[in-house]
Amino acid sequence: MPPTVEIYRRASKMRRALTPPEARLWTQIKGGGLEGLKFRRQHSVGPYILDFYCPAARLAVEVDGATHDDRGQIAHDSRRTAWLKTQGIEVLRIRATDVRDHLDGVLAVILLHATGR
């Protein structure tokens, strides 16, 4: 199922309004800044918008704030992850506080998932 026009519009709007942790991570990974890997921000896949997506690795990186601790959001995230898996996309969830407090470690984990090293 391709993304709808509305999904594309929402993704475009979200690219201009990154959360502070998303913006911090984006400054490190954009333009091949993570060992040459190319990432897209707020990338549409089917009915979903991924925080960051590395096409070469088929890796989605989701930066989760406190709202992702809500029971309803946890269930939604699980369904979303399951659907993305059926599309051959691995989902890596990173806590926003880890981006803020442990950015080097977050980058190392992303690199490990993207390259297997």
N, C-alpha and C. Protein backbone atom coordinates (compact mmCIF):
# COMPACT_ATOMS: atom_id res chain seq x y z
N MET A 1 0.84 -1.17 0.00
CA MET A 1 0.00 0.00 0.00
C MET A 1 0.89 1.25 0.00
N PRO A 2 0.83 2.05 -1.05
CA PRO A 2 1.65 3.26 -1.10
C PRO A 2 1.09 4.33 -0.16
N PRO A 3 1.94 5.24 0.27
CA PRO A 3 1.47 6.33 1.13
C PRO A 3 0.46 7.21 0.40
N THR A 4 -0.49 7.75 1.13
CA THR A 4 -1.49 8.64 0.55
C THR A 4 -0.93 10.06 0.45
N VAL A 5 -1.63 10.89 -0.30
CA VAL A 5 -1.24 12.30 -0.41
C VAL A 5 -1.22 12.95 0.98
N GLU A 6 -2.19 12.60 1.81
CA GLU A 6 -2.25 13.16 3.17
C GLU A 6 -1.03 12.75 3.99
N ILE A 7 -0.59 11.51 3.85
CA ILE A 7 0.61 11.05 4.57
C ILE A 7 1.82 11.86 4.11
N TYR A 8 1.96 12.07 2.80
CA TYR A 8 3.08 12.87 2.28
C TYR A 8 3.04 14.29 2.85
N ARG A 9 1.85 14.87 2.92
CA ARG A 9 1.73 16.24 3.46
C ARG A 9 2.12 16.28 4.94
N ARG A 10 1.63 15.29 5.70
CA ARG A 10 1.99 15.24 7.13
C ARG A 10 3.49 15.07 7.31
N ALA A 11 4.10 14.20 6.50
CA ALA A 11 5.55 13.98 6.61
C ALA A 11 6.31 15.26 6.31
N SER A 12 5.88 15.98 5.29
CA SER A 12 6.54 17.25 4.94
C SER A 12 6.43 18.24 6.10
N LYS A 13 5.25 18.34 6.70
CA LYS A 13 5.05 19.23 7.84
C LYS A 13 5.92 18.80 9.02
N MET A 14 6.00 17.50 9.26
CA MET A 14 6.78 16.98 10.39
C MET A 14 8.28 17.22 10.20
N ARG A 15 8.74 17.23 8.94
CA ARG A 15 10.17 17.50 8.69
C ARG A 15 10.55 18.91 9.14
N ARG A 16 9.59 19.81 9.10
CA ARG A 16 9.85 21.20 9.51
C ARG A 16 9.66 21.41 11.01
N ALA A 17 9.22 20.37 11.72
CA ALA A 17 8.92 20.52 13.15
C ALA A 17 9.46 19.34 13.95
N LEU A 18 10.73 19.02 13.75
CA LEU A 18 11.34 17.92 14.50
C LEU A 18 11.35 18.25 15.99
N THR A 19 11.22 17.22 16.81
CA THR A 19 11.38 17.42 18.25
C THR A 19 12.86 17.69 18.52
N PRO A 20 13.21 18.29 19.66
CA PRO A 20 14.63 18.53 19.95
C PRO A 20 15.49 17.26 19.87
N PRO A 21 15.07 16.11 20.41
CA PRO A 21 15.90 14.91 20.26
C PRO A 21 16.04 14.47 18.80
N GLU A 22 14.95 14.57 18.02
CA GLU A 22 15.03 14.22 16.60
C GLU A 22 16.00 15.15 15.88
N ALA A 23 15.91 16.44 16.17
CA ALA A 23 16.80 17.41 15.52
C ALA A 23 18.26 17.14 15.89
N ARG A 24 18.50 16.79 17.13
CA ARG A 24 19.87 16.50 17.58
C ARG A 24 20.42 15.27 16.85
N LEU A 25 19.62 14.23 16.74
CA LEU A 25 20.06 13.03 16.04
C LEU A 25 20.25 13.32 14.55
N TRP A 26 19.34 14.07 13.95
CA TRP A 26 19.42 14.39 12.53
C TRP A 26 20.73 15.12 12.19
N THR A 27 21.15 16.03 13.05
CA THR A 27 22.40 16.75 12.77
C THR A 27 23.59 15.80 12.68
N GLN A 28 23.51 14.66 13.33
CA GLN A 28 24.62 13.69 13.33
C GLN A 28 24.56 12.71 12.16
N ILE A 29 23.36 12.40 11.67
CA ILE A 29 23.24 11.34 10.66
C ILE A 29 22.94 11.86 9.26
N LYS A 30 22.56 13.12 9.13
CA LYS A 30 22.20 13.62 7.80
C LYS A 30 23.42 13.68 6.88
N GLY A 31 23.17 13.61 5.60
CA GLY A 31 24.23 13.75 4.61
C GLY A 31 25.31 12.69 4.70
N GLY A 32 24.96 11.51 5.16
CA GLY A 32 25.95 10.44 5.25
C GLY A 32 26.88 10.59 6.44
N GLY A 33 26.46 11.38 7.44
CA GLY A 33 27.31 11.65 8.59
C GLY A 33 27.60 10.46 9.49
N LEU A 34 26.89 9.37 9.30
CA LEU A 34 27.15 8.16 10.10
C LEU A 34 27.78 7.13 9.17
N GLU A 35 29.10 7.23 9.04
CA GLU A 35 29.88 6.30 8.22
C GLU A 35 29.35 6.17 6.80
N GLY A 36 28.87 7.28 6.24
CA GLY A 36 28.42 7.29 4.86
C GLY A 36 27.01 6.78 4.63
N LEU A 37 26.34 6.31 5.68
CA LEU A 37 24.96 5.82 5.52
C LEU A 37 24.02 6.98 5.26
N LYS A 38 23.13 6.82 4.33
CA LYS A 38 22.15 7.85 3.99
C LYS A 38 20.86 7.58 4.75
N PHE A 39 20.37 8.60 5.42
CA PHE A 39 19.11 8.51 6.14
C PHE A 39 18.14 9.55 5.59
N ARG A 40 16.87 9.24 5.67
CA ARG A 40 15.80 10.19 5.35
C ARG A 40 15.07 10.47 6.65
N ARG A 41 14.59 11.68 6.81
CA ARG A 41 13.82 12.01 8.02
C ARG A 41 12.35 12.11 7.67
N GLN A 42 11.52 11.69 8.61
CA GLN A 42 10.06 11.71 8.45
C GLN A 42 9.68 11.13 7.09
N HIS A 43 10.09 9.89 6.88
CA HIS A 43 9.92 9.19 5.61
C HIS A 43 8.64 8.35 5.62
N SER A 44 7.83 8.46 4.57
CA SER A 44 6.56 7.74 4.47
C SER A 44 6.76 6.33 3.94
N VAL A 45 6.17 5.36 4.64
CA VAL A 45 6.12 3.97 4.20
C VAL A 45 4.70 3.48 4.46
N GLY A 46 3.97 3.18 3.40
CA GLY A 46 2.58 2.76 3.57
C GLY A 46 1.81 3.80 4.37
N PRO A 47 1.08 3.38 5.40
CA PRO A 47 0.29 4.33 6.18
C PRO A 47 1.08 5.03 7.29
N TYR A 48 2.38 4.81 7.35
CA TYR A 48 3.18 5.30 8.48
C TYR A 48 4.24 6.31 8.04
N ILE A 49 4.64 7.13 9.01
CA ILE A 49 5.75 8.06 8.82
C ILE A 49 6.83 7.66 9.81
N LEU A 50 8.01 7.34 9.28
CA LEU A 50 9.13 6.91 10.11
C LEU A 50 9.96 8.12 10.50
N ASP A 51 10.43 8.18 11.75
CA ASP A 51 11.28 9.31 12.16
C ASP A 51 12.49 9.40 11.25
N PHE A 52 13.22 8.29 11.12
CA PHE A 52 14.39 8.23 10.24
C PHE A 52 14.41 6.88 9.54
N TYR A 53 14.88 6.87 8.30
CA TYR A 53 14.91 5.63 7.53
C TYR A 53 16.19 5.56 6.72
N CYS A 54 16.88 4.43 6.82
CA CYS A 54 18.08 4.16 6.03
C CYS A 54 17.69 3.12 4.98
N PRO A 55 17.48 3.53 3.73
CA PRO A 55 17.04 2.59 2.70
C PRO A 55 18.02 1.44 2.46
N ALA A 56 19.30 1.72 2.47
CA ALA A 56 20.30 0.67 2.19
C ALA A 56 20.24 -0.46 3.21
N ALA A 57 19.95 -0.11 4.46
CA ALA A 57 19.88 -1.11 5.54
C ALA A 57 18.45 -1.56 5.83
N ARG A 58 17.48 -0.89 5.19
CA ARG A 58 16.06 -1.15 5.47
C ARG A 58 15.81 -1.05 6.98
N LEU A 59 16.34 0.05 7.55
CA LEU A 59 16.28 0.28 8.99
C LEU A 59 15.51 1.56 9.28
N ALA A 60 14.49 1.44 10.13
CA ALA A 60 13.77 2.60 10.65
C ALA A 60 14.28 2.88 12.05
N VAL A 61 14.55 4.14 12.33
CA VAL A 61 14.97 4.55 13.67
C VAL A 61 13.88 5.46 14.21
N GLU A 62 13.28 5.04 15.30
CA GLU A 62 12.20 5.79 15.93
C GLU A 62 12.70 6.37 17.25
N VAL A 63 12.53 7.68 17.42
CA VAL A 63 12.91 8.35 18.66
C VAL A 63 11.65 8.48 19.50
N ASP A 64 11.60 7.74 20.60
CA ASP A 64 10.39 7.66 21.42
C ASP A 64 10.48 8.55 22.65
N GLY A 65 9.53 9.48 22.75
CA GLY A 65 9.40 10.30 23.94
C GLY A 65 8.49 9.63 24.95
N ALA A 66 8.11 10.37 25.97
CA ALA A 66 7.31 9.81 27.08
C ALA A 66 5.96 9.29 26.63
N THR A 67 5.38 9.84 25.57
CA THR A 67 4.06 9.39 25.12
C THR A 67 4.08 7.92 24.69
N HIS A 68 5.24 7.40 24.35
CA HIS A 68 5.34 6.01 23.91
C HIS A 68 5.28 5.03 25.08
N ASP A 69 5.19 5.54 26.31
CA ASP A 69 5.02 4.69 27.49
C ASP A 69 3.54 4.42 27.78
N ASP A 70 2.65 5.13 27.11
CA ASP A 70 1.21 4.96 27.28
C ASP A 70 0.77 3.61 26.71
N ARG A 71 -0.10 2.91 27.42
CA ARG A 71 -0.54 1.57 27.01
C ARG A 71 -1.09 1.55 25.58
N GLY A 72 -1.93 2.53 25.25
CA GLY A 72 -2.49 2.60 23.90
C GLY A 72 -1.42 2.83 22.85
N GLN A 73 -0.47 3.68 23.17
CA GLN A 73 0.62 3.96 22.23
C GLN A 73 1.52 2.74 22.06
N ILE A 74 1.75 2.01 23.14
CA ILE A 74 2.57 0.79 23.07
C ILE A 74 1.91 -0.21 22.12
N ALA A 75 0.59 -0.37 22.22
CA ALA A 75 -0.13 -1.29 21.33
C ALA A 75 -0.03 -0.82 19.88
N HIS A 76 -0.21 0.48 19.66
CA HIS A 76 -0.09 1.03 18.30
C HIS A 76 1.31 0.80 17.75
N ASP A 77 2.32 1.09 18.56
CA ASP A 77 3.71 0.90 18.12
C ASP A 77 3.99 -0.56 17.78
N SER A 78 3.41 -1.48 18.54
CA SER A 78 3.61 -2.91 18.26
C SER A 78 2.99 -3.30 16.93
N ARG A 79 1.78 -2.82 16.66
CA ARG A 79 1.13 -3.11 15.37
C ARG A 79 1.94 -2.51 14.22
N ARG A 80 2.39 -1.30 14.42
CA ARG A 80 3.17 -0.60 13.40
C ARG A 80 4.47 -1.34 13.11
N THR A 81 5.18 -1.75 14.16
CA THR A 81 6.44 -2.49 14.00
C THR A 81 6.19 -3.81 13.28
N ALA A 82 5.11 -4.49 13.64
CA ALA A 82 4.78 -5.77 12.98
C ALA A 82 4.52 -5.55 11.49
N TRP A 83 3.78 -4.50 11.15
CA TRP A 83 3.50 -4.22 9.74
C TRP A 83 4.78 -3.89 8.99
N LEU A 84 5.62 -3.05 9.58
CA LEU A 84 6.88 -2.68 8.92
C LEU A 84 7.76 -3.91 8.71
N LYS A 85 7.73 -4.83 9.67
CA LYS A 85 8.50 -6.07 9.53
C LYS A 85 8.02 -6.86 8.32
N THR A 86 6.71 -6.86 8.06
CA THR A 86 6.20 -7.57 6.87
C THR A 86 6.70 -6.92 5.59
N GLN A 87 7.13 -5.68 5.68
CA GLN A 87 7.67 -4.96 4.52
C GLN A 87 9.19 -5.09 4.44
N GLY A 88 9.76 -5.88 5.36
CA GLY A 88 11.21 -6.09 5.36
C GLY A 88 12.00 -4.98 6.01
N ILE A 89 11.34 -4.21 6.87
CA ILE A 89 11.99 -3.07 7.53
C ILE A 89 12.17 -3.39 9.01
N GLU A 90 13.41 -3.29 9.48
CA GLU A 90 13.71 -3.44 10.91
C GLU A 90 13.44 -2.11 11.60
N VAL A 91 12.84 -2.16 12.77
CA VAL A 91 12.55 -0.95 13.54
C VAL A 91 13.42 -0.94 14.79
N LEU A 92 14.17 0.14 14.94
CA LEU A 92 15.02 0.35 16.11
C LEU A 92 14.42 1.50 16.90
N ARG A 93 14.02 1.24 18.14
CA ARG A 93 13.43 2.27 18.99
C ARG A 93 14.49 2.80 19.95
N ILE A 94 14.62 4.11 19.95
CA ILE A 94 15.60 4.81 20.80
C ILE A 94 14.82 5.77 21.68
N ARG A 95 15.10 5.78 22.96
CA ARG A 95 14.43 6.72 23.87
C ARG A 95 15.00 8.12 23.65
N ALA A 96 14.11 9.10 23.66
CA ALA A 96 14.52 10.49 23.47
C ALA A 96 15.55 10.91 24.52
N THR A 97 15.40 10.41 25.74
CA THR A 97 16.36 10.75 26.79
C THR A 97 17.75 10.20 26.48
N ASP A 98 17.81 9.06 25.79
CA ASP A 98 19.12 8.52 25.40
C ASP A 98 19.78 9.37 24.33
N VAL A 99 18.98 9.92 23.41
CA VAL A 99 19.55 10.84 22.41
C VAL A 99 20.12 12.06 23.13
N ARG A 100 19.39 12.54 24.12
CA ARG A 100 19.84 13.72 24.87
C ARG A 100 21.08 13.43 25.71
N ASP A 101 21.10 12.28 26.39
CA ASP A 101 22.14 12.02 27.39
C ASP A 101 23.28 11.13 26.92
N HIS A 102 23.05 10.35 25.88
CA HIS A 102 24.05 9.35 25.46
C HIS A 102 24.15 9.26 23.94
N LEU A 103 24.31 10.40 23.28
CA LEU A 103 24.27 10.43 21.82
C LEU A 103 25.30 9.52 21.17
N ASP A 104 26.52 9.49 21.69
CA ASP A 104 27.54 8.62 21.09
C ASP A 104 27.13 7.15 21.14
N GLY A 105 26.55 6.73 22.25
CA GLY A 105 26.08 5.36 22.37
C GLY A 105 24.92 5.07 21.41
N VAL A 106 24.02 6.03 21.25
CA VAL A 106 22.90 5.89 20.32
C VAL A 106 23.43 5.71 18.90
N LEU A 107 24.40 6.53 18.52
CA LEU A 107 24.98 6.42 17.17
C LEU A 107 25.64 5.06 16.96
N ALA A 108 26.31 4.56 17.99
CA ALA A 108 26.95 3.24 17.89
C ALA A 108 25.91 2.14 17.71
N VAL A 109 24.79 2.23 18.41
CA VAL A 109 23.73 1.23 18.28
C VAL A 109 23.10 1.29 16.89
N ILE A 110 22.86 2.49 16.39
CA ILE A 110 22.30 2.63 15.04
C ILE A 110 23.25 2.03 14.02
N LEU A 111 24.53 2.34 14.14
CA LEU A 111 25.53 1.80 13.22
C LEU A 111 25.56 0.27 13.28
N LEU A 112 25.49 -0.28 14.46
CA LEU A 112 25.48 -1.73 14.63
C LEU A 112 24.29 -2.36 13.90
N HIS A 113 23.12 -1.78 14.07
CA HIS A 113 21.92 -2.32 13.42
C HIS A 113 21.96 -2.12 11.91
N ALA A 114 22.53 -1.01 11.46
CA ALA A 114 22.56 -0.71 10.03
C ALA A 114 23.60 -1.52 9.28
N THR A 115 24.69 -1.87 9.95
CA THR A 115 25.79 -2.53 9.24
C THR A 115 26.14 -3.90 9.79
N GLY A 116 25.64 -4.22 10.97
CA GLY A 116 25.98 -5.49 11.59
C GLY A 116 27.37 -5.51 12.19
N ARG A 117 27.95 -4.33 12.40
CA ARG A 117 29.28 -4.28 13.02
C ARG A 117 29.32 -3.29 14.16
